């Protein structure tokens, strides 16, 4: 092999290894900010547009906390800004890589288990889980491909129903790639319904006697896999953006109902980039088209996110409340009572996301309510809370907390569904 050829091979090998190397978060800091003035809120909102200012939680008004992840370089830069504008800042976690490492250690304990329930399972494991249930319980479980992603992965919906199921319920998870506790929760719900029904559990049998469940555990499988292989805290999908080196769209800013009217960005490098147009993304189109196949048949649309311990009603795009807000919120409170009965329900709040937190347009629950006409459309933000136990983990919640999230969410959703069942 001549020198030039050897050099080319070495460069290619080095490039391959570099591409395969995981993003590290050594000395990345999770910083809690508590703005005191409208100007400080405005500044934080503007900084969110920057790629180096990773907002993990949101704020609506003064004296409310917001958590931000900053690289060592960004921390030096923004610490100066915090001092100049007198924004109170407190470090919640000094080295985010410790949290990532702890999460990986928790997953290593179950990696060889064939049972994915309660685990942060990978895309192929979740697909096989649905297929195996359908093969084992063909009269109860089936599946349907709602669409495919940019990287050609299936958007596989698990369908659970009986001969007497008449009304439909949609549940999805994993729209934001880094929110690992949410796909685990969808898997938990699927398993609880199927095993409960087959063991004679009265709650599962009551609900499946009336509802048929359509559950999509991974709305964003491309992004989700990328968080496992490359960049743990990636949020968006993986669709390239023409004219920009920045990849991905925030799928929960891409739905066409009131698209780009507030709380989203036209900057492809932003984590809240709304896409080139409303409904531009394959994942968004797949969910919308699936819902549209069954007009008038849906009783509820539930999209599951993390983190914060919130049960959000429409609207997200405006602080104007829908005419039936009181009823929607009362049903959500029944869900919160179900969460409390099933686990630690402390810290959960229900209400309009735009009033509790911030305006964010292009969300799926707004589309489901405003376009698809599904009355009981909600967004759930799972544990941990914004403060208190485990809050410093944020999206890096250890795997051993996933069963707790699954169980309390199942308790909340089933209590809520019982309350709307005719």
Protein backbone atom coordinates (compact mmCIF):
# COMPACT_ATOMS: atom_id res chain seq x y z
CA UNK A 1 0.00 0.00 0.00
CA UNK A 2 1.56 3.33 -1.01
CA UNK A 3 1.78 6.27 1.36
CA UNK A 4 -1.04 8.30 -0.21
CA UNK A 5 -3.46 5.38 -0.17
CA UNK A 6 -2.55 4.57 3.43
CA UNK A 7 -3.11 8.20 4.36
CA UNK A 8 -6.55 8.18 2.72
CA UNK A 9 -7.52 5.00 4.55
CA UNK A 10 -6.36 6.49 7.85
CA UNK A 11 -8.34 9.66 7.25
CA UNK A 12 -11.47 7.65 6.41
CA UNK A 13 -11.08 5.49 9.49
CA UNK A 14 -10.53 8.52 11.69
CA UNK A 15 -13.59 10.20 10.19
CA UNK A 16 -15.71 7.10 10.80
CA UNK A 17 -14.57 6.92 14.40
CA UNK A 18 -15.24 10.62 14.87
CA UNK A 19 -18.75 10.24 13.52
CA UNK A 20 -19.39 7.30 15.83
CA UNK A 21 -18.08 9.09 18.93
CA UNK A 22 -20.75 10.11 21.40
CA UNK A 23 -21.22 13.72 22.41
CA UNK A 24 -19.92 14.25 25.92
CA UNK A 25 -21.24 16.74 28.46
CA UNK A 26 -18.19 17.13 30.67
CA UNK A 27 -18.62 20.21 32.86
CA UNK A 28 -21.85 21.21 31.14
CA UNK A 29 -23.88 22.97 33.79
CA UNK A 30 -27.61 22.91 34.43
CA UNK A 31 -28.36 26.42 35.62
CA UNK A 32 -31.56 27.60 37.28
CA UNK A 33 -32.55 31.18 36.43
CA UNK A 34 -35.22 33.15 38.25
CA UNK A 35 -35.97 36.35 36.31
CA UNK A 36 -37.25 39.32 38.31
CA UNK A 37 -38.32 41.66 35.51
CA UNK A 38 -40.05 41.49 32.10
CA UNK A 39 -36.76 42.57 30.50
CA UNK A 40 -34.97 39.58 31.99
CA UNK A 41 -37.69 37.26 30.64
CA UNK A 42 -37.35 38.88 27.22
CA UNK A 43 -33.59 38.33 27.24
CA UNK A 44 -33.92 34.65 28.18
CA UNK A 45 -36.50 34.19 25.42
CA UNK A 46 -34.11 35.80 22.91
CA UNK A 47 -31.18 33.67 24.05
CA UNK A 48 -33.27 30.55 23.51
CA UNK A 49 -32.83 31.18 19.79
CA UNK A 50 -29.10 30.54 20.22
CA UNK A 51 -27.79 27.03 19.70
CA UNK A 52 -25.59 27.29 22.82
CA UNK A 53 -28.46 28.22 25.17
CA UNK A 54 -30.39 24.98 25.73
CA UNK A 55 -33.58 25.78 27.63
CA UNK A 56 -34.89 22.73 29.48
CA UNK A 57 -37.94 24.32 31.07
CA UNK A 58 -40.02 27.37 30.29
CA UNK A 59 -41.16 30.52 32.03
CA UNK A 60 -44.23 32.72 31.79
CA UNK A 61 -43.70 35.49 34.28
CA UNK A 62 -41.31 36.90 36.85
CA UNK A 63 -40.20 34.84 39.85
CA UNK A 64 -40.69 31.61 37.90
CA UNK A 65 -37.69 29.36 37.36
CA UNK A 66 -36.19 28.24 34.09
CA UNK A 67 -33.48 25.59 33.72
CA UNK A 68 -30.81 26.01 31.06
CA UNK A 69 -28.00 23.65 30.03
CA UNK A 70 -24.75 25.46 29.17
CA UNK A 71 -21.45 24.15 27.85
CA UNK A 72 -18.32 25.36 29.70
CA UNK A 73 -17.76 28.00 27.02
CA UNK A 74 -21.40 29.09 27.02
CA UNK A 75 -21.41 29.25 30.81
CA UNK A 76 -18.53 31.72 30.77
CA UNK A 77 -20.30 33.79 28.10
CA UNK A 78 -23.76 33.86 29.68
CA UNK A 79 -22.54 34.22 33.26
CA UNK A 80 -21.33 37.66 32.25
CA UNK A 81 -24.78 38.43 30.82
CA UNK A 82 -26.50 37.18 33.98
CA UNK A 83 -24.37 39.56 36.04
CA UNK A 84 -24.81 42.52 33.70
CA UNK A 85 -28.60 42.15 33.68
CA UNK A 86 -28.77 40.97 37.31
CA UNK A 87 -30.55 37.71 36.54
CA UNK A 88 -30.38 35.41 39.60
CA UNK A 89 -28.60 32.18 38.59
CA UNK A 90 -27.95 29.03 40.60
CA UNK A 91 -26.10 25.93 39.40
CA UNK A 92 -28.25 22.81 39.84
CA UNK A 93 -25.74 20.37 38.34
CA UNK A 94 -22.03 21.10 37.86
CA UNK A 95 -21.25 18.28 35.44
CA UNK A 96 -24.06 16.91 33.29
CA UNK A 97 -21.86 14.05 32.11
CA UNK A 98 -22.20 12.54 35.60
CA UNK A 99 -25.96 12.32 35.07
CA UNK A 100 -25.54 10.81 31.61
CA UNK A 101 -23.09 8.26 33.02
CA UNK A 102 -25.46 7.40 35.86
CA UNK A 103 -28.30 6.89 33.41
CA UNK A 104 -26.13 4.58 31.30
CA UNK A 105 -25.13 2.58 34.39
CA UNK A 106 -28.78 2.17 35.33
CA UNK A 107 -29.52 0.87 31.82
CA UNK A 108 -26.58 -1.53 31.87
CA UNK A 109 -28.24 -3.44 34.71
CA UNK A 110 -31.16 -4.45 32.44
CA UNK A 111 -29.49 -4.49 29.02
CA UNK A 112 -29.61 -8.27 28.64
CA UNK A 113 -33.23 -8.55 29.70
CA UNK A 114 -35.64 -9.67 26.99
CA UNK A 115 -38.44 -7.80 28.73
CA UNK A 116 -38.43 -4.14 27.69
CA UNK A 117 -41.24 -3.03 30.02
CA UNK A 118 -39.87 -0.38 32.38
CA UNK A 119 -36.70 0.07 30.31
CA UNK A 120 -35.30 2.68 27.96
CA UNK A 121 -35.58 0.30 25.03
CA UNK A 122 -34.26 0.97 21.53
CA UNK A 123 -36.36 1.44 18.40
CA UNK A 124 -36.02 -2.16 17.14
CA UNK A 125 -36.87 -3.55 20.57
CA UNK A 126 -40.06 -1.49 20.71
CA UNK A 127 -41.07 -2.60 17.21
CA UNK A 128 -40.50 -6.25 18.17
CA UNK A 129 -42.44 -5.76 21.42
CA UNK A 130 -45.52 -4.65 19.47
CA UNK A 131 -45.11 -7.44 16.91
CA UNK A 132 -44.76 -10.10 19.60
CA UNK A 133 -47.89 -8.92 21.41
CA UNK A 134 -49.82 -8.98 18.14
CA UNK A 135 -48.61 -12.52 17.43
CA UNK A 136 -49.40 -13.71 20.96
CA UNK A 137 -52.80 -11.99 21.34
CA UNK A 138 -54.11 -11.60 17.76
CA UNK A 139 -57.70 -11.04 18.86
CA UNK A 140 -56.66 -8.15 21.10
CA UNK A 141 -53.55 -6.54 19.59
CA UNK A 142 -52.67 -5.50 16.06
CA UNK A 143 -50.49 -2.81 14.54
CA UNK A 144 -50.51 -0.33 11.70
CA UNK A 145 -47.76 1.68 10.07
CA UNK A 146 -48.80 5.33 10.17
CA UNK A 147 -45.89 6.41 7.98
CA UNK A 148 -42.12 6.41 7.65
CA UNK A 149 -39.45 8.87 8.66
CA UNK A 150 -36.67 10.63 6.75
CA UNK A 151 -34.30 7.82 7.79
CA UNK A 152 -36.91 5.26 6.70
CA UNK A 153 -38.03 4.03 10.10
CA UNK A 154 -41.58 2.87 10.71
CA UNK A 155 -44.05 4.86 12.76
CA UNK A 156 -45.72 1.76 14.16
CA UNK A 157 -48.99 2.18 16.05
CA UNK A 158 -50.11 -0.52 18.48
CA UNK A 159 -53.88 -1.05 18.33
CA UNK A 160 -55.55 -2.66 21.33
CA UNK A 161 -59.27 -3.36 21.10
CA UNK A 162 -62.01 -5.90 21.73
CA UNK A 163 -65.16 -6.82 19.84
CA UNK A 164 -67.12 -4.23 21.85
CA UNK A 165 -64.65 -1.33 21.55
CA UNK A 166 -66.48 1.54 19.88
CA UNK A 167 -64.66 4.82 20.59
CA UNK A 168 -61.00 5.57 19.86
CA UNK A 169 -58.20 6.96 22.05
CA UNK A 170 -54.87 8.18 20.68
CA UNK A 171 -51.72 8.18 22.82
CA UNK A 172 -48.26 9.08 21.55
CA UNK A 173 -44.81 9.38 23.10
CA UNK A 174 -41.31 10.35 22.07
CA UNK A 175 -42.05 13.41 19.93
CA UNK A 176 -38.93 15.00 21.46
CA UNK A 177 -35.98 12.66 21.07
CA UNK A 178 -34.30 13.20 24.44
CA UNK A 179 -37.43 12.53 26.52
CA UNK A 180 -36.62 8.85 27.08
CA UNK A 181 -39.08 8.33 29.91
CA UNK A 182 -42.00 8.87 27.49
CA UNK A 183 -41.53 5.92 25.07
CA UNK A 184 -40.96 3.76 28.15
CA UNK A 185 -44.30 5.03 29.48
CA UNK A 186 -46.16 4.21 26.26
CA UNK A 187 -44.70 0.69 26.39
CA UNK A 188 -45.80 0.46 30.03
CA UNK A 189 -49.37 1.49 29.13
CA UNK A 190 -49.55 -1.01 26.27
CA UNK A 191 -48.32 -3.80 28.54
CA UNK A 192 -50.69 -2.89 31.39
CA UNK A 193 -53.72 -2.89 29.09
CA UNK A 194 -52.85 -6.19 27.42
CA UNK A 195 -51.71 -8.13 30.49
CA UNK A 196 -54.49 -6.63 32.59
CA UNK A 197 -57.18 -7.59 30.12
CA UNK A 198 -55.86 -11.14 29.79
CA UNK A 199 -55.57 -11.60 33.56
CA UNK A 200 -59.13 -10.41 34.14
CA UNK A 201 -58.28 -7.00 35.60
CA UNK A 202 -61.58 -5.16 35.93
CA UNK A 203 -60.23 -1.73 34.96
CA UNK A 204 -58.52 -2.93 31.78
CA UNK A 205 -61.59 -4.95 30.82
CA UNK A 206 -63.92 -2.01 31.46
CA UNK A 207 -61.87 0.37 29.35
CA UNK A 208 -61.23 -2.07 26.52
CA UNK A 209 -64.88 -2.95 26.50
CA UNK A 210 -65.54 0.59 25.31
CA UNK A 211 -62.33 2.17 23.97
CA UNK A 212 -59.90 1.02 21.34
CA UNK A 213 -56.42 2.35 21.98
CA UNK A 214 -54.08 3.53 19.23
CA UNK A 215 -50.64 4.01 20.79
CA UNK A 216 -47.53 5.30 18.97
CA UNK A 217 -44.56 4.88 21.34
CA UNK A 218 -42.09 6.69 19.08
CA UNK A 219 -43.24 9.71 17.08
CA UNK A 220 -39.60 10.62 16.44
CA UNK A 221 -37.62 7.38 16.10
CA UNK A 222 -34.80 8.97 14.05
CA UNK A 223 -34.10 11.51 16.76
CA UNK A 224 -34.56 8.92 19.49
CA UNK A 225 -31.97 6.58 17.99
CA UNK A 226 -29.60 9.51 17.53
CA UNK A 227 -29.85 10.24 21.26
CA UNK A 228 -28.82 6.66 21.97
CA UNK A 229 -25.93 6.50 19.51
CA UNK A 230 -24.56 10.02 19.25
CA UNK A 231 -26.00 13.05 21.06
CA UNK A 232 -27.94 12.19 24.20
CA UNK A 233 -29.73 15.54 24.54
CA UNK A 234 -30.87 15.93 20.93
CA UNK A 235 -34.48 17.18 20.69
CA UNK A 236 -35.63 17.50 17.06
CA UNK A 237 -36.10 15.03 14.23
CA UNK A 238 -33.22 14.33 11.81
CA UNK A 239 -34.51 15.82 8.57
CA UNK A 240 -31.86 18.09 6.96
CA UNK A 241 -32.77 21.73 6.37
CA UNK A 242 -32.10 23.12 2.92
CA UNK A 243 -29.61 25.98 2.98
CA UNK A 244 -28.49 25.27 6.53
CA UNK A 245 -25.95 22.96 8.15
CA UNK A 246 -28.30 22.62 11.13
CA UNK A 247 -30.47 19.50 11.10
CA UNK A 248 -33.96 18.84 12.36
CA UNK A 249 -37.35 20.35 13.12
CA UNK A 250 -39.13 20.52 16.45
CA UNK A 251 -42.11 18.30 15.63
CA UNK A 252 -44.16 19.89 18.39
CA UNK A 253 -43.90 23.26 16.65
CA UNK A 254 -44.69 21.88 13.19
CA UNK A 255 -48.43 21.13 13.31
CA UNK A 256 -50.39 23.34 10.93
CA UNK A 257 -52.98 24.71 13.35
CA UNK A 258 -51.86 28.30 14.17
CA UNK A 259 -48.35 27.39 13.00
CA UNK A 260 -45.57 29.91 13.77
CA UNK A 261 -47.83 32.34 15.62
CA UNK A 262 -45.67 32.39 18.76
CA UNK A 263 -43.18 30.45 20.86
CA UNK A 264 -41.37 28.91 17.91
CA UNK A 265 -38.51 29.85 15.61
CA UNK A 266 -37.68 30.30 11.93
CA UNK A 267 -34.01 29.56 12.68
CA UNK A 268 -33.09 25.96 11.67
CA UNK A 269 -30.42 25.92 14.38
CA UNK A 270 -32.97 26.57 17.13
CA UNK A 271 -34.31 23.70 19.20
CA UNK A 272 -37.80 25.13 18.65
CA UNK A 273 -37.45 25.47 14.87
CA UNK A 274 -40.95 25.16 13.44
CA UNK A 275 -39.95 23.79 10.03
CA UNK A 276 -40.11 25.31 6.56
CA UNK A 277 -43.92 25.28 6.69
CA UNK A 278 -46.74 23.95 8.81
CA UNK A 279 -47.09 20.15 8.51
CA UNK A 280 -43.82 19.95 6.57
CA UNK A 281 -42.42 16.92 8.41
CA UNK A 282 -43.13 13.29 7.59
CA UNK A 283 -43.84 12.45 11.22
CA UNK A 284 -46.35 15.30 11.55
CA UNK A 285 -48.08 14.28 8.33
CA UNK A 286 -48.24 10.65 9.44
CA UNK A 287 -49.98 11.43 12.73
CA UNK A 288 -52.40 13.88 11.12
CA UNK A 289 -53.30 11.52 8.29
CA UNK A 290 -53.82 8.66 10.72
CA UNK A 291 -56.21 10.71 12.86
CA UNK A 292 -58.07 11.94 9.77
CA UNK A 293 -58.79 8.35 8.68
CA UNK A 294 -61.32 8.06 11.50
CA UNK A 295 -63.24 11.37 11.60
CA UNK A 296 -65.62 11.74 14.53
CA UNK A 297 -64.47 8.50 16.14
CA UNK A 298 -61.89 9.89 18.59
CA UNK A 299 -62.78 10.64 22.19
CA UNK A 300 -59.30 11.66 23.31
CA UNK A 301 -55.86 12.65 22.00
CA UNK A 302 -53.03 12.40 24.55
CA UNK A 303 -49.45 13.36 23.71
CA UNK A 304 -46.90 12.48 26.38
CA UNK A 305 -43.78 14.57 27.01
CA UNK A 306 -41.28 15.22 29.81
CA UNK A 307 -40.53 16.87 32.10
CA UNK A 308 -42.43 19.00 34.63
CA UNK A 309 -45.45 17.15 36.10
CA UNK A 310 -48.11 19.02 34.14
CA UNK A 311 -51.39 18.00 32.49
CA UNK A 312 -51.93 20.67 29.86
CA UNK A 313 -55.20 21.61 28.19
CA UNK A 314 -55.51 23.57 24.93
CA UNK A 315 -54.57 26.13 23.90
CA UNK A 316 -50.81 26.45 23.62
CA UNK A 317 -50.75 29.09 20.90
CA UNK A 318 -52.76 31.74 22.78
CA UNK A 319 -53.71 32.69 26.31
CA UNK A 320 -57.34 32.80 25.24
CA UNK A 321 -59.10 29.81 26.76
CA UNK A 322 -61.42 27.55 24.75
CA UNK A 323 -65.11 27.85 25.62
CA UNK A 324 -65.14 24.43 27.30
CA UNK A 325 -61.92 24.98 29.27
CA UNK A 326 -63.57 24.46 32.67
CA UNK A 327 -64.83 21.03 31.69
CA UNK A 328 -61.52 20.09 30.07
CA UNK A 329 -59.61 21.12 33.17
CA UNK A 330 -62.00 19.33 35.52
CA UNK A 331 -61.41 16.10 33.60
CA UNK A 332 -57.66 16.72 33.75
CA UNK A 333 -57.95 17.08 37.54
CA UNK A 334 -59.54 13.63 37.66
CA UNK A 335 -56.44 12.41 35.84
CA UNK A 336 -54.24 14.08 38.45
CA UNK A 337 -56.20 12.34 41.21
CA UNK A 338 -55.54 9.05 39.41
CA UNK A 339 -51.82 9.85 39.34
CA UNK A 340 -51.85 10.55 43.07
CA UNK A 341 -53.67 7.27 43.75
CA UNK A 342 -51.08 5.35 41.71
CA UNK A 343 -47.87 6.88 43.00
CA UNK A 344 -46.36 10.13 44.14
CA UNK A 345 -48.71 12.70 42.69
CA UNK A 346 -47.10 15.66 44.44
CA UNK A 347 -46.31 18.68 42.34
CA UNK A 348 -48.67 17.94 39.45
CA UNK A 349 -50.62 20.88 38.00
CA UNK A 350 -53.31 21.02 35.31
CA UNK A 351 -54.44 23.89 33.12
CA UNK A 352 -53.71 25.84 29.95
CA UNK A 353 -50.05 25.53 28.94
CA UNK A 354 -49.97 29.08 27.60
CA UNK A 355 -51.18 30.47 30.92
CA UNK A 356 -49.18 28.21 33.22
CA UNK A 357 -45.98 28.45 31.20
CA UNK A 358 -45.63 30.12 27.83
CA UNK A 359 -47.11 30.45 24.36
CA UNK A 360 -46.02 27.73 21.95
CA UNK A 361 -47.71 27.34 18.58
CA UNK A 362 -47.72 24.32 16.30
CA UNK A 363 -48.32 21.76 19.05
CA UNK A 364 -50.06 18.48 18.34
CA UNK A 365 -52.69 18.80 21.08
CA UNK A 366 -53.78 22.19 19.69
CA UNK A 367 -54.07 20.63 16.23
CA UNK A 368 -56.06 17.68 17.60
CA UNK A 369 -58.46 20.02 19.38
CA UNK A 370 -58.62 22.86 16.85
CA UNK A 371 -58.44 21.01 13.53
CA UNK A 372 -59.36 17.39 14.18
CA UNK A 373 -62.13 18.36 16.60
CA UNK A 374 -61.09 15.97 19.37
CA UNK A 375 -62.50 17.53 22.51
CA UNK A 376 -60.35 15.87 25.15
CA UNK A 377 -56.92 16.72 23.75
CA UNK A 378 -54.09 17.12 26.23
CA UNK A 379 -50.33 17.20 26.64
CA UNK A 380 -48.87 15.43 29.68
CA UNK A 381 -45.39 16.35 30.97
CA UNK A 382 -44.08 13.48 33.09
CA UNK A 383 -41.69 13.33 36.03
CA UNK A 384 -39.41 14.72 37.28
CA UNK A 385 -40.87 18.00 38.45
CA UNK A 386 -39.33 21.41 37.89
CA UNK A 387 -37.97 21.34 41.41
CA UNK A 388 -37.60 18.88 44.25
CA UNK A 389 -36.85 15.16 43.95
CA UNK A 390 -34.85 14.23 40.83
CA UNK A 391 -35.33 17.65 39.21
CA UNK A 392 -31.58 18.01 38.58
CA UNK A 393 -31.71 14.95 36.30
CA UNK A 394 -34.16 16.56 33.88
CA UNK A 395 -34.08 14.47 30.71
CA UNK A 396 -31.39 12.15 32.11
CA UNK A 397 -33.71 10.49 34.63
CA UNK A 398 -32.22 7.08 35.57
CA UNK A 399 -33.96 4.05 34.13
CA UNK A 400 -35.08 2.74 37.50
CA UNK A 401 -37.52 5.69 37.69
CA UNK A 402 -39.24 4.67 34.45
CA UNK A 403 -41.60 2.14 36.10
CA UNK A 404 -42.77 4.81 38.54
CA UNK A 405 -43.52 7.18 35.67
CA UNK A 406 -45.32 4.44 33.77
CA UNK A 407 -47.46 3.32 36.68
CA UNK A 408 -48.60 6.77 37.78
CA UNK A 409 -49.28 7.85 34.19
CA UNK A 410 -51.34 4.72 33.58
CA UNK A 411 -53.29 5.45 36.74
CA UNK A 412 -53.93 9.02 35.67
CA UNK A 413 -54.94 8.23 32.11
CA UNK A 414 -57.24 5.37 33.07
CA UNK A 415 -58.98 7.49 35.73
CA UNK A 416 -59.44 10.27 33.18
CA UNK A 417 -60.78 7.87 30.52
CA UNK A 418 -63.27 6.38 32.96
CA UNK A 419 -64.59 9.90 33.55
CA UNK A 420 -65.28 10.55 29.85
CA UNK A 421 -66.65 7.09 29.05
CA UNK A 422 -70.30 7.35 28.01
